[in-house]
Amino acid sequence: MTGFSLELQAQVPDSLKLKSDTARVDTSIRTDSSFTIQQVDTVLRIRNLNPYITLSTDSTLDYELMINKDVSKYYWFLRNSPPGVQINRKTGILHLKAEKALFLNGRLKYDQEYKINLGVQNLDNPSDKIDTSITVMFYNTEIIPSKIKPAVNNILYVDEGDSINFKIQCEDGNFPIDKIIMTSNYPIKPLTPITKCGDDFKWSPPFGFVKSTDKDKQRAVILNFIGSNKFNVRDTAVVQIFVKENINYPQKVLEYEEIRRNIRNYSNQLKATFMTLDKKVRSTKGTRNSFDLTSAASSLGGTVFSSLPTDGQKTAGKILPSVGVAMVPVKESVAPNKTAEQNSATLVRNSIKRLEYLLQNNTLVGDKDPEILTKTQKLRDELKAMQVALIEVPLVEVGDSPEELDKYFNNKKVNKKYRMKKS
């Protein structure tokens, strides 16, 4: 293909003459490969945007963002940026400063992604703008270990039956603690499992946890809380709990009432036995008194008859005293003295009085008497000793009501008989 030329003539009067070299346009088509068509860049864009930035602690980054247009006609801005991030609204220089104070007060955290929302807009044309974001993550070159911090001191004291409750807290370093396991020197079972930071340790030592062989009536429980991060770096917190022996009042009150009930039943049985023995002694005494009165009457009658004038009356006066004397062996044969029964009745009565005194002297004071163990053991020992002392006394089954037994036992005539007499 050959080039061609076109002569143009101006539409003006002939009086206006143009030079031929200015009125001629070269319209030839170039075929060489060095010729390129220049395209106009009209869409606003950031030419050097880096979507992901990592920054160490206490370092500063000034990042100049460039656009494909005249920067003097545009302004830059940020939306909801994290602490320590600024941008120059005129030049587009992004300023990042990771001060350590921001991490110490918790406003920033290590190894956590933060999104910086930024934009650039034309000053004359609001529609000519662009919005984008950059992700930044801060890391720390200083090694800060994570630690377990229980919310209590490392030494605690608790009584049996009481409860203990505290939270397992963590102090995060470069890498937070992911899981926690608990070990102890005694097999215990917390009410809630301990697996992570923030869990609560709840435990109530049962009654009987402290054994009689434990020193000072207390047992030391050592708890180890072992935490580890994703790199299996561990930290251990130790809490020592001293469990003191305590009284299981609900159970001990039941035991106390049981021993009191046994003493009352045994006392009623002794009262029935005493009543039987006392009645035997009274019956024997009445029979012997009858013999004694008869013998005395015979002797007196003999004396009276001896003073009478007739021989028959005098003879009767001689015989009657012999009759009185003859009734003495009959009395001993028919109604011998109940010495054993008398002694047994006295012993039983004294035992009953002692039991009543023990019950009165060992009464509980309030719902939680601190001496309940001592009082219960005292009643138990006294009851056992009394049963051994009266083992040869045949006990009688209780047939009467406790009220009738008490009425007979406290009868004035009966009390007078067994009352100690002044010498």
Protein backbone atom coordinates (compact mmCIF):
# COMPACT_ATOMS: atom_id res chain seq x y z
CA MET A 1 0.00 0.00 0.00
CA THR A 2 1.35 3.40 -0.99
CA GLY A 3 0.69 6.63 0.77
CA PHE A 4 -1.39 9.37 -0.75
CA SER A 5 -1.82 13.08 -0.15
CA LEU A 6 -4.87 15.28 -0.15
CA GLU A 7 -4.82 18.96 -1.01
CA LEU A 8 -7.15 21.05 1.05
CA GLN A 9 -8.49 24.38 -0.02
CA ALA A 10 -9.64 26.88 2.48
CA GLN A 11 -13.19 28.19 2.10
CA VAL A 12 -12.10 31.85 2.12
CA PRO A 13 -11.84 34.56 -0.52
CA ASP A 14 -9.02 34.39 -2.96
CA SER A 15 -7.60 37.42 -1.38
CA LEU A 16 -6.57 35.28 1.60
CA LYS A 17 -3.71 33.09 0.41
CA LEU A 18 -2.41 30.19 2.52
CA LYS A 19 0.99 28.73 2.29
CA SER A 20 0.90 25.32 0.73
CA ASP A 21 3.01 23.73 3.44
CA THR A 22 0.50 24.60 6.17
CA ALA A 23 -2.61 23.51 4.30
CA ARG A 24 -1.42 20.03 3.48
CA VAL A 25 -2.06 17.07 5.86
CA ASP A 26 -0.15 13.85 5.75
CA THR A 27 -2.74 11.06 5.64
CA SER A 28 -0.41 8.22 4.82
CA ILE A 29 -0.86 4.98 6.77
CA ARG A 30 2.22 3.89 8.69
CA THR A 31 3.00 0.22 8.66
CA ASP A 32 6.09 0.12 10.93
CA SER A 33 5.76 -1.84 14.22
CA SER A 34 7.14 0.93 16.43
CA PHE A 35 3.89 2.83 16.30
CA THR A 36 1.58 2.42 19.45
CA ILE A 37 -1.69 3.98 20.39
CA GLN A 38 -1.58 5.89 23.72
CA GLN A 39 -4.58 5.00 26.04
CA VAL A 40 -5.82 7.46 28.62
CA ASP A 41 -5.92 6.07 32.29
CA THR A 42 -9.25 7.38 33.56
CA VAL A 43 -10.30 4.90 36.39
CA LEU A 44 -9.08 5.90 39.84
CA ARG A 45 -6.91 3.25 41.44
CA ILE A 46 -4.17 2.81 44.03
CA ARG A 47 -1.02 1.78 42.28
CA ASN A 48 0.98 0.27 45.17
CA LEU A 49 -1.61 -1.25 47.51
CA ASN A 50 -0.30 -4.04 49.75
CA PRO A 51 -3.32 -5.88 51.22
CA TYR A 52 -1.47 -7.53 54.15
CA ILE A 53 1.07 -5.99 56.54
CA THR A 54 2.82 -7.44 59.59
CA LEU A 55 4.45 -5.14 62.10
CA SER A 56 6.50 -5.80 65.23
CA THR A 57 6.02 -4.12 68.58
CA ASP A 58 7.47 -0.63 69.14
CA SER A 59 8.08 -0.17 65.40
CA THR A 60 6.83 2.52 63.01
CA LEU A 61 5.75 2.19 59.39
CA ASP A 62 5.17 5.08 56.98
CA TYR A 63 3.53 3.68 53.87
CA GLU A 64 2.96 6.14 51.01
CA LEU A 65 -0.05 5.16 48.96
CA MET A 66 0.07 6.39 45.34
CA ILE A 67 -2.77 6.83 42.89
CA ASN A 68 -2.81 7.14 39.13
CA LYS A 69 -4.02 10.72 39.17
CA ASP A 70 -2.97 14.08 40.47
CA VAL A 71 -2.86 13.58 44.24
CA SER A 72 -3.37 17.29 44.89
CA LYS A 73 -6.99 16.99 43.70
CA TYR A 74 -7.79 14.11 46.10
CA TYR A 75 -7.95 13.55 49.86
CA TRP A 76 -7.48 10.40 51.94
CA PHE A 77 -9.53 9.17 54.94
CA LEU A 78 -9.89 6.23 57.38
CA ARG A 79 -12.96 4.42 58.73
CA ASN A 80 -12.96 2.70 62.17
CA SER A 81 -9.22 2.23 62.18
CA PRO A 82 -7.48 0.42 65.08
CA PRO A 83 -5.40 2.40 67.59
CA GLY A 84 -2.03 3.65 66.38
CA VAL A 85 -3.07 4.08 62.69
CA GLN A 86 -3.17 7.49 60.96
CA ILE A 87 -3.16 8.75 57.37
CA ASN A 88 -2.14 12.08 55.85
CA ARG A 89 -5.27 13.33 54.09
CA LYS A 90 -3.24 15.19 51.45
CA THR A 91 -0.29 12.95 50.66
CA GLY A 92 -1.81 9.53 51.43
CA ILE A 93 1.03 8.48 53.72
CA LEU A 94 -0.26 5.73 56.05
CA HIS A 95 1.39 5.95 59.48
CA LEU A 96 1.39 2.86 61.74
CA LYS A 97 2.98 2.94 65.19
CA ALA A 98 2.65 -0.17 67.37
CA GLU A 99 3.40 1.26 70.80
CA LYS A 100 3.84 -1.31 73.54
CA ALA A 101 1.50 0.60 75.83
CA LEU A 102 -1.40 -0.24 73.50
CA PHE A 103 -0.76 -3.94 74.08
CA LEU A 104 -0.26 -3.61 77.82
CA ASN A 105 -3.59 -1.87 78.32
CA GLY A 106 -5.37 -4.38 76.09
CA ARG A 107 -6.35 -2.06 73.24
CA LEU A 108 -4.28 -4.16 70.84
CA LYS A 109 -3.41 -7.84 70.89
CA TYR A 110 -0.65 -9.84 69.34
CA ASP A 111 -1.26 -12.28 66.48
CA GLN A 112 -4.70 -10.87 65.79
CA GLU A 113 -5.69 -9.47 62.42
CA TYR A 114 -6.98 -5.89 62.29
CA LYS A 115 -8.64 -4.42 59.20
CA ILE A 116 -7.80 -0.84 58.20
CA ASN A 117 -10.63 0.60 56.09
CA LEU A 118 -9.35 3.51 53.99
CA GLY A 119 -10.49 5.53 50.99
CA VAL A 120 -9.51 8.29 48.57
CA GLN A 121 -11.95 10.75 46.97
CA ASN A 122 -11.87 13.57 44.44
CA LEU A 123 -12.29 17.00 45.96
CA ASP A 124 -14.44 18.21 43.05
CA ASN A 125 -16.27 15.04 42.06
CA PRO A 126 -17.57 12.97 45.04
CA SER A 127 -18.36 10.04 42.76
CA ASP A 128 -14.73 9.76 41.80
CA LYS A 129 -13.54 7.73 44.78
CA ILE A 130 -12.31 4.31 45.85
CA ASP A 131 -12.74 2.35 49.11
CA THR A 132 -10.45 -0.50 50.09
CA SER A 133 -8.87 -2.12 53.15
CA ILE A 134 -5.55 -3.35 54.43
CA THR A 135 -5.12 -6.16 56.97
CA VAL A 136 -2.43 -5.63 59.58
CA MET A 137 -1.20 -8.02 62.27
CA PHE A 138 1.16 -7.16 65.10
CA TYR A 139 3.70 -9.57 66.49
CA ASN A 140 6.04 -9.39 69.43
CA THR A 141 9.68 -10.28 69.34
CA GLU A 142 9.80 -10.40 73.15
CA ILE A 143 8.87 -13.77 74.66
CA ILE A 144 6.08 -13.29 77.23
CA PRO A 145 4.92 -16.61 78.72
CA SER A 146 1.28 -17.17 79.56
CA LYS A 147 0.57 -17.96 83.20
CA ILE A 148 -2.23 -19.51 85.24
CA LYS A 149 -3.47 -17.25 88.03
CA PRO A 150 -6.03 -18.82 90.41
CA ALA A 151 -8.21 -16.17 92.05
CA VAL A 152 -7.11 -17.24 95.57
CA ASN A 153 -3.93 -17.57 97.60
CA ASN A 154 -1.88 -20.71 97.23
CA ILE A 155 -2.88 -21.90 100.75
CA LEU A 156 -6.52 -22.37 101.77
CA TYR A 157 -8.30 -23.84 104.81
CA VAL A 158 -11.69 -25.54 104.77
CA ASP A 159 -13.70 -27.75 107.16
CA GLU A 160 -15.30 -31.04 106.26
CA GLY A 161 -18.78 -30.49 104.89
CA ASP A 162 -18.06 -26.90 103.82
CA SER A 163 -17.51 -25.88 100.18
CA ILE A 164 -14.72 -24.05 98.40
CA ASN A 165 -15.06 -22.13 95.14
CA PHE A 166 -12.61 -20.07 93.11
CA LYS A 167 -11.99 -19.17 89.46
CA ILE A 168 -9.02 -20.33 87.38
CA GLN A 169 -7.76 -17.18 85.66
CA CYS A 170 -5.04 -16.86 83.02
CA GLU A 171 -2.54 -14.13 82.23
CA ASP A 172 -2.03 -14.27 78.47
CA GLY A 173 1.41 -13.79 76.95
CA ASN A 174 2.49 -14.19 73.33
CA PHE A 175 0.42 -17.33 72.97
CA PRO A 176 -2.64 -17.82 75.20
CA ILE A 177 -3.29 -20.99 77.16
CA ASP A 178 -5.57 -23.31 75.19
CA LYS A 179 -6.32 -26.05 77.72
CA ILE A 180 -5.94 -26.81 81.41
CA ILE A 181 -5.73 -30.12 83.26
CA MET A 182 -5.90 -30.63 87.03
CA THR A 183 -4.10 -33.19 89.17
CA SER A 184 -4.13 -33.75 92.95
CA ASN A 185 -2.39 -35.91 95.52
CA TYR A 186 -5.76 -37.35 96.65
CA PRO A 187 -8.57 -38.58 94.40
CA ILE A 188 -11.13 -35.78 94.51
CA LYS A 189 -13.97 -34.93 92.14
CA PRO A 190 -14.79 -31.25 91.56
CA LEU A 191 -18.41 -30.35 90.93
CA THR A 192 -17.46 -28.86 87.53
CA PRO A 193 -14.61 -29.98 85.20
CA ILE A 194 -11.55 -27.78 84.76
CA THR A 195 -10.58 -27.59 81.07
CA LYS A 196 -9.96 -23.92 80.15
CA CYS A 197 -9.29 -20.47 81.50
CA GLY A 198 -12.22 -18.98 83.36
CA ASP A 199 -13.56 -22.28 84.73
CA ASP A 200 -14.62 -22.43 88.39
CA PHE A 201 -13.15 -24.94 90.82
CA LYS A 202 -15.94 -26.12 93.13
CA TRP A 203 -15.41 -28.83 95.74
CA SER A 204 -16.88 -29.85 99.07
CA PRO A 205 -14.77 -32.25 101.18
CA PRO A 206 -17.08 -34.95 102.56
CA PHE A 207 -17.32 -35.87 106.22
CA GLY A 208 -14.79 -38.54 107.07
CA PHE A 209 -12.27 -37.25 104.52
CA VAL A 210 -9.78 -36.63 107.34
CA LYS A 211 -8.71 -39.94 108.87
CA SER A 212 -7.74 -40.61 112.46
CA THR A 213 -4.15 -41.26 111.34
CA ASP A 214 -3.76 -37.78 109.83
CA LYS A 215 -1.57 -35.40 111.78
CA ASP A 216 -3.31 -32.60 113.71
CA LYS A 217 -6.68 -33.91 112.47
CA GLN A 218 -6.24 -32.29 109.07
CA ARG A 219 -5.26 -33.40 105.58
CA ALA A 220 -3.35 -31.38 102.96
CA VAL A 221 -4.73 -31.60 99.41
CA ILE A 222 -2.30 -30.33 96.74
CA LEU A 223 -3.92 -29.20 93.48
CA ASN A 224 -1.84 -28.73 90.32
CA PHE A 225 -3.41 -26.72 87.49
CA ILE A 226 -1.34 -27.35 84.34
CA GLY A 227 -2.00 -25.11 81.33
CA SER A 228 -0.50 -25.42 77.84
CA ASN A 229 -0.63 -23.38 74.62
CA LYS A 230 -0.67 -24.54 71.02
CA PHE A 231 3.11 -25.12 71.13
CA ASN A 232 2.71 -27.31 74.24
CA VAL A 233 4.52 -24.78 76.43
CA ARG A 234 3.25 -25.36 79.96
CA ASP A 235 2.69 -23.37 83.11
CA THR A 236 1.65 -24.82 86.46
CA ALA A 237 -0.14 -23.20 89.39
CA VAL A 238 -0.23 -24.98 92.77
CA VAL A 239 -2.97 -24.50 95.38
CA GLN A 240 -2.72 -26.26 98.74
CA ILE A 241 -5.96 -26.89 100.63
CA PHE A 242 -5.86 -27.92 104.30
CA VAL A 243 -9.02 -29.86 105.13
CA LYS A 244 -9.82 -29.84 108.85
CA GLU A 245 -11.86 -32.48 110.62
CA ASN A 246 -15.41 -31.34 111.30
CA ILE A 247 -18.47 -32.73 113.04
CA ASN A 248 -21.24 -34.12 110.87
CA TYR A 249 -23.95 -32.61 113.04
CA PRO A 250 -26.98 -34.18 111.29
CA GLN A 251 -25.52 -37.66 111.69
CA LYS A 252 -24.12 -37.09 115.18
CA VAL A 253 -27.45 -35.73 116.42
CA LEU A 254 -29.11 -38.93 115.19
CA GLU A 255 -26.51 -41.00 117.05
CA TYR A 256 -27.04 -38.92 120.19
CA GLU A 257 -30.81 -39.34 120.06
CA GLU A 258 -30.37 -43.07 119.50
CA ILE A 259 -28.24 -43.52 122.62
CA ARG A 260 -30.68 -41.42 124.68
CA ARG A 261 -33.52 -43.59 123.45
CA ASN A 262 -31.60 -46.73 124.44
CA ILE A 263 -30.96 -45.31 127.90
CA ARG A 264 -34.64 -44.47 128.40
CA ASN A 265 -35.68 -47.96 127.33
CA TYR A 266 -33.11 -49.52 129.64
CA SER A 267 -34.21 -47.21 132.46
CA ASN A 268 -37.85 -48.26 132.02
CA GLN A 269 -36.76 -51.88 132.08
CA LEU A 270 -34.88 -51.25 135.32
CA LYS A 271 -37.92 -49.50 136.81
CA ALA A 272 -40.09 -52.52 135.99
CA THR A 273 -37.48 -54.77 137.61
CA PHE A 274 -37.31 -52.50 140.65
CA MET A 275 -41.08 -52.54 141.02
CA THR A 276 -41.12 -56.35 140.96
CA LEU A 277 -38.31 -56.64 143.49
CA ASP A 278 -39.80 -54.03 145.78
CA LYS A 279 -43.19 -55.73 145.79
CA LYS A 280 -41.55 -59.04 146.74
CA VAL A 281 -39.71 -57.37 149.60
CA ARG A 282 -42.90 -55.65 150.79
CA SER A 283 -44.89 -58.93 150.66
CA THR A 284 -42.27 -60.79 152.66
CA LYS A 285 -42.04 -58.00 155.19
CA GLY A 286 -45.82 -58.05 155.68
CA THR A 287 -45.83 -61.80 156.32
CA ARG A 288 -43.00 -61.57 158.82
CA ASN A 289 -44.74 -58.71 160.60
CA SER A 290 -47.85 -60.88 160.95
CA PHE A 291 -45.81 -63.66 162.55
CA ASP A 292 -44.12 -61.17 164.87
CA LEU A 293 -47.45 -59.71 165.97
CA THR A 294 -48.88 -63.18 166.56
CA SER A 295 -45.84 -64.19 168.60
CA ALA A 296 -46.01 -61.00 170.63
CA ALA A 297 -49.72 -61.49 171.23
CA SER A 298 -49.10 -65.05 172.42
CA SER A 299 -46.46 -63.90 174.89
CA LEU A 300 -48.67 -61.11 176.16
CA GLY A 301 -51.63 -63.48 176.44
CA GLY A 302 -49.54 -65.93 178.46
CA THR A 303 -48.65 -63.20 180.91
CA VAL A 304 -52.28 -62.19 181.26
CA PHE A 305 -53.55 -65.74 181.72
CA SER A 306 -50.86 -66.51 184.30
CA SER A 307 -52.22 -63.77 186.54
CA LEU A 308 -55.75 -65.17 186.50
CA PRO A 309 -57.04 -67.14 189.56
CA THR A 310 -58.12 -70.42 187.99
CA ASP A 311 -55.74 -73.30 187.33
CA GLY A 312 -56.87 -73.70 183.73
CA GLN A 313 -56.16 -70.08 183.03
CA LYS A 314 -52.76 -70.36 184.63
CA THR A 315 -52.02 -73.44 182.55
CA ALA A 316 -52.96 -71.52 179.39
CA GLY A 317 -50.69 -68.71 180.55
CA LYS A 318 -47.81 -71.16 180.64
CA ILE A 319 -48.56 -72.63 177.18
CA LEU A 320 -49.13 -69.44 175.20
CA PRO A 321 -45.51 -68.13 175.42
CA SER A 322 -44.30 -71.44 174.10
CA VAL A 323 -46.59 -71.04 171.13
CA GLY A 324 -45.06 -67.62 170.41
CA VAL A 325 -41.58 -69.08 170.59
CA ALA A 326 -42.56 -71.95 168.31
CA MET A 327 -43.76 -69.52 165.61
CA VAL A 328 -40.27 -68.05 165.11
CA PRO A 329 -38.88 -70.98 163.05
CA VAL A 330 -42.18 -71.16 161.23
CA LYS A 331 -41.81 -67.48 160.30
CA GLU A 332 -38.26 -68.03 159.02
CA SER A 333 -39.43 -71.00 157.02
CA VAL A 334 -42.54 -69.42 155.56
CA ALA A 335 -41.22 -65.87 155.00
CA PRO A 336 -37.43 -65.72 155.14
CA ASN A 337 -35.70 -62.36 154.82
CA LYS A 338 -35.34 -61.20 151.17
CA THR A 339 -31.85 -59.81 151.65
CA ALA A 340 -30.76 -60.46 148.04
CA GLU A 341 -33.91 -58.91 146.65
CA GLN A 342 -33.52 -55.94 148.97
CA ASN A 343 -29.94 -55.37 147.88
CA SER A 344 -30.83 -55.83 144.20
CA ALA A 345 -33.69 -53.36 144.49
CA THR A 346 -31.36 -50.82 146.10
CA LEU A 347 -28.74 -51.34 143.38
CA VAL A 348 -31.29 -51.04 140.59
CA ARG A 349 -32.78 -47.91 142.11
CA ASN A 350 -29.37 -46.28 142.38
CA SER A 351 -28.63 -47.19 138.77
CA ILE A 352 -31.89 -45.61 137.62
CA LYS A 353 -31.07 -42.43 139.51
CA ARG A 354 -27.62 -42.35 137.91
CA LEU A 355 -29.06 -42.75 134.40
CA GLU A 356 -31.49 -39.91 134.98
CA TYR A 357 -28.66 -37.70 136.17
CA LEU A 358 -26.54 -38.58 133.13
CA LEU A 359 -29.34 -37.71 130.72
CA GLN A 360 -29.92 -34.40 132.45
CA ASN A 361 -26.24 -33.51 132.68
CA ASN A 362 -25.48 -34.38 129.03
CA THR A 363 -28.28 -32.52 127.27
CA LEU A 364 -27.35 -30.84 123.98
CA VAL A 365 -27.04 -27.05 123.90
CA GLY A 366 -28.40 -25.82 120.57
CA ASP A 367 -28.38 -27.49 117.18
CA LYS A 368 -24.58 -27.51 116.95
CA ASP A 369 -23.24 -28.33 120.37
CA PRO A 370 -19.42 -28.45 120.06
CA GLU A 371 -19.32 -31.15 122.79
CA ILE A 372 -21.81 -33.49 121.13
CA LEU A 373 -19.14 -36.14 120.53
CA THR A 374 -18.01 -36.05 124.16
CA LYS A 375 -21.56 -36.21 125.51
CA THR A 376 -22.56 -39.04 123.20
CA GLN A 377 -19.48 -41.06 124.14
CA LYS A 378 -20.09 -40.38 127.84
CA LEU A 379 -23.65 -41.71 127.65
CA ARG A 380 -22.53 -44.72 125.63
CA ASP A 381 -19.76 -45.63 128.09
CA GLU A 382 -21.97 -45.20 131.17
CA LEU A 383 -24.73 -47.32 129.68
CA LYS A 384 -22.30 -50.09 128.85
CA ALA A 385 -20.70 -49.99 132.32
CA MET A 386 -24.11 -50.10 133.99
CA GLN A 387 -25.24 -53.06 131.91
CA VAL A 388 -22.10 -54.92 132.95
CA ALA A 389 -22.65 -54.07 136.63
CA LEU A 390 -26.26 -55.32 136.55
CA ILE A 391 -25.56 -58.37 134.44
CA GLU A 392 -26.53 -60.74 137.32
CA VAL A 393 -29.82 -58.97 138.02
CA PRO A 394 -32.63 -60.67 136.07
CA LEU A 395 -34.46 -57.94 134.18
CA VAL A 396 -38.22 -57.92 133.81
CA GLU A 397 -40.03 -57.15 130.60
CA VAL A 398 -41.80 -53.82 130.65
CA GLY A 399 -45.53 -54.43 130.95
CA ASP A 400 -46.69 -51.12 132.31
CA SER A 401 -46.57 -47.73 130.65
CA PRO A 402 -43.62 -45.39 131.37
CA GLU A 403 -45.99 -43.08 133.25
CA GLU A 404 -47.07 -45.86 135.64
CA LEU A 405 -43.47 -46.90 136.19
CA ASP A 406 -42.46 -43.32 136.99
CA LYS A 407 -45.41 -42.94 139.36
CA TYR A 408 -44.43 -46.04 141.32
CA PHE A 409 -40.73 -45.17 141.29
CA ASN A 410 -41.36 -41.66 142.62
CA ASN A 411 -43.92 -42.75 145.23
CA LYS A 412 -43.26 -41.08 148.59
CA LYS A 413 -43.58 -44.30 150.56
CA VAL A 414 -41.14 -46.04 148.25
CA ASN A 415 -38.70 -43.16 148.40
CA LYS A 416 -38.89 -43.11 152.19
CA LYS A 417 -38.00 -46.77 152.35
CA TYR A 418 -34.81 -46.31 150.27
CA ARG A 419 -33.85 -42.92 151.59
CA MET A 420 -30.52 -42.75 153.36
CA LYS A 421 -31.09 -42.39 157.09
CA LYS A 422 -29.07 -40.15 159.34
CA SER A 423 -26.93 -41.92 161.84
